[in-house]
Amino acid sequence: MNTTTYAVTGMTCGHCEGSVRAEVAKIDGVTAIDVSAASGNLVVSSDVALDDAAILAAVDEAGYSAVRA
């Protein structure tokens, strides 16, 4: 299992977390998503190696910015 952490900026509430979770969940291979507005962290787990660009694009689509932590 692969686990990658990203620092997300702009999230302030549970709705923000849900938006990020919904977009990242659309990526094939994602098995678990842990996102926290309080810490600004997004942790993505998968059975296969994921492309960072796909994760970052999904976060951007949700309306936030992210970098790999």
C-alpha atoms as a PDB file:
ATOM      1  CA  MET A   1       0.000   0.000   0.000  1.00  0.00           C
ATOM      2  CA  ASN A   2       1.211   3.486  -0.888  1.00  0.00           C
ATOM      3  CA  THR A   3       0.476   6.422   1.397  1.00  0.00           C
ATOM      4  CA  THR A   4       1.245  10.032   0.473  1.00  0.00           C
ATOM      5  CA  THR A   5       0.676  13.216   2.468  1.00  0.00           C
ATOM      6  CA  TYR A   6      -0.146  16.600   0.967  1.00  0.00           C
ATOM      7  CA  ALA A   7      -0.387  20.033   2.579  1.00  0.00           C
ATOM      8  CA  VAL A   8      -3.634  21.716   1.508  1.00  0.00           C
ATOM      9  CA  THR A   9      -4.234  25.442   1.911  1.00  0.00           C
ATOM     10  CA  GLY A  10      -7.572  27.194   2.092  1.00  0.00           C
ATOM     11  CA  MET A  11      -9.671  24.582   3.907  1.00  0.00           C
ATOM     12  CA  THR A  12     -11.590  25.944   6.902  1.00  0.00           C
ATOM     13  CA  CYS A  13     -14.398  23.490   7.659  1.00  0.00           C
ATOM     14  CA  GLY A  14     -15.969  20.091   7.184  1.00  0.00           C
ATOM     15  CA  HIS A  15     -17.549  21.162   3.898  1.00  0.00           C
ATOM     16  CA  CYS A  16     -14.059  21.956   2.589  1.00  0.00           C
ATOM     17  CA  GLU A  17     -12.867  18.510   3.663  1.00  0.00           C
ATOM     18  CA  GLY A  18     -15.821  16.914   1.902  1.00  0.00           C
ATOM     19  CA  SER A  19     -15.119  18.770  -1.329  1.00  0.00           C
ATOM     20  CA  VAL A  20     -11.495  17.622  -1.369  1.00  0.00           C
ATOM     21  CA  ARG A  21     -12.466  14.053  -0.420  1.00  0.00           C
ATOM     22  CA  ALA A  22     -15.074  13.879  -3.204  1.00  0.00           C
ATOM     23  CA  GLU A  23     -12.648  14.991  -5.919  1.00  0.00           C
ATOM     24  CA  VAL A  24      -9.752  12.782  -4.779  1.00  0.00           C
ATOM     25  CA  ALA A  25     -12.104   9.777  -4.499  1.00  0.00           C
ATOM     26  CA  LYS A  26     -12.684   9.979  -8.273  1.00  0.00           C
ATOM     27  CA  ILE A  27      -9.081   8.906  -8.929  1.00  0.00           C
ATOM     28  CA  ASP A  28      -8.718   5.225  -9.809  1.00  0.00           C
ATOM     29  CA  GLY A  29      -6.692   3.250  -7.293  1.00  0.00           C
ATOM     30  CA  VAL A  30      -7.413   5.415  -4.231  1.00  0.00           C
ATOM     31  CA  THR A  31      -8.346   3.179  -1.303  1.00  0.00           C
ATOM     32  CA  ALA A  32      -8.456   5.652   1.605  1.00  0.00           C
ATOM     33  CA  ILE A  33      -8.581   9.408   2.096  1.00  0.00           C
ATOM     34  CA  ASP A  34      -7.939  11.259   5.352  1.00  0.00           C
ATOM     35  CA  VAL A  35      -8.366  15.015   5.095  1.00  0.00           C
ATOM     36  CA  SER A  36      -8.298  17.556   7.937  1.00  0.00           C
ATOM     37  CA  ALA A  37      -9.063  21.258   7.682  1.00  0.00           C
ATOM     38  CA  ALA A  38      -7.598  21.733  11.174  1.00  0.00           C
ATOM     39  CA  SER A  39      -4.160  20.388  10.240  1.00  0.00           C
ATOM     40  CA  GLY A  40      -4.327  21.209   6.539  1.00  0.00           C
ATOM     41  CA  ASN A  41      -3.279  17.662   5.692  1.00  0.00           C
ATOM     42  CA  LEU A  42      -4.540  15.270   3.063  1.00  0.00           C
ATOM     43  CA  VAL A  43      -3.358  11.668   3.315  1.00  0.00           C
ATOM     44  CA  VAL A  44      -4.092   9.459   0.329  1.00  0.00           C
ATOM     45  CA  SER A  45      -3.644   5.676   0.369  1.00  0.00           C
ATOM     46  CA  SER A  46      -3.709   3.462  -2.687  1.00  0.00           C
ATOM     47  CA  ASP A  47      -2.937  -0.028  -3.903  1.00  0.00           C
ATOM     48  CA  VAL A  48      -0.987   1.366  -6.852  1.00  0.00           C
ATOM     49  CA  ALA A  49       1.420   4.254  -7.304  1.00  0.00           C
ATOM     50  CA  LEU A  50      -0.569   7.418  -7.935  1.00  0.00           C
ATOM     51  CA  ASP A  51       0.507  10.378 -10.013  1.00  0.00           C
ATOM     52  CA  ASP A  52       1.019  13.440  -7.787  1.00  0.00           C
ATOM     53  CA  ALA A  53      -0.283  15.606 -10.629  1.00  0.00           C
ATOM     54  CA  ALA A  54      -3.625  13.783 -10.513  1.00  0.00           C
ATOM     55  CA  ILE A  55      -3.984  14.366  -6.772  1.00  0.00           C
ATOM     56  CA  LEU A  56      -2.983  18.015  -7.057  1.00  0.00           C
ATOM     57  CA  ALA A  57      -5.398  18.527  -9.952  1.00  0.00           C
ATOM     58  CA  ALA A  58      -8.229  16.976  -7.918  1.00  0.00           C
ATOM     59  CA  VAL A  59      -7.520  19.305  -4.989  1.00  0.00           C
ATOM     60  CA  ASP A  60      -7.416  22.242  -7.403  1.00  0.00           C
ATOM     61  CA  GLU A  61     -10.758  21.135  -8.886  1.00  0.00           C
ATOM     62  CA  ALA A  62     -12.192  21.241  -5.346  1.00  0.00           C
ATOM     63  CA  GLY A  63     -11.023  24.867  -5.107  1.00  0.00           C
ATOM     64  CA  TYR A  64      -7.890  24.523  -2.971  1.00  0.00           C
ATOM     65  CA  SER A  65      -4.124  24.396  -3.383  1.00  0.00           C
ATOM     66  CA  ALA A  66      -1.853  21.554  -2.345  1.00  0.00           C
ATOM     67  CA  VAL A  67       1.781  20.495  -2.345  1.00  0.00           C
ATOM     68  CA  ARG A  68       3.294  17.162  -1.488  1.00  0.00           C
ATOM     69  CA  ALA A  69       4.398  17.262   2.145  1.00  0.00           C
END
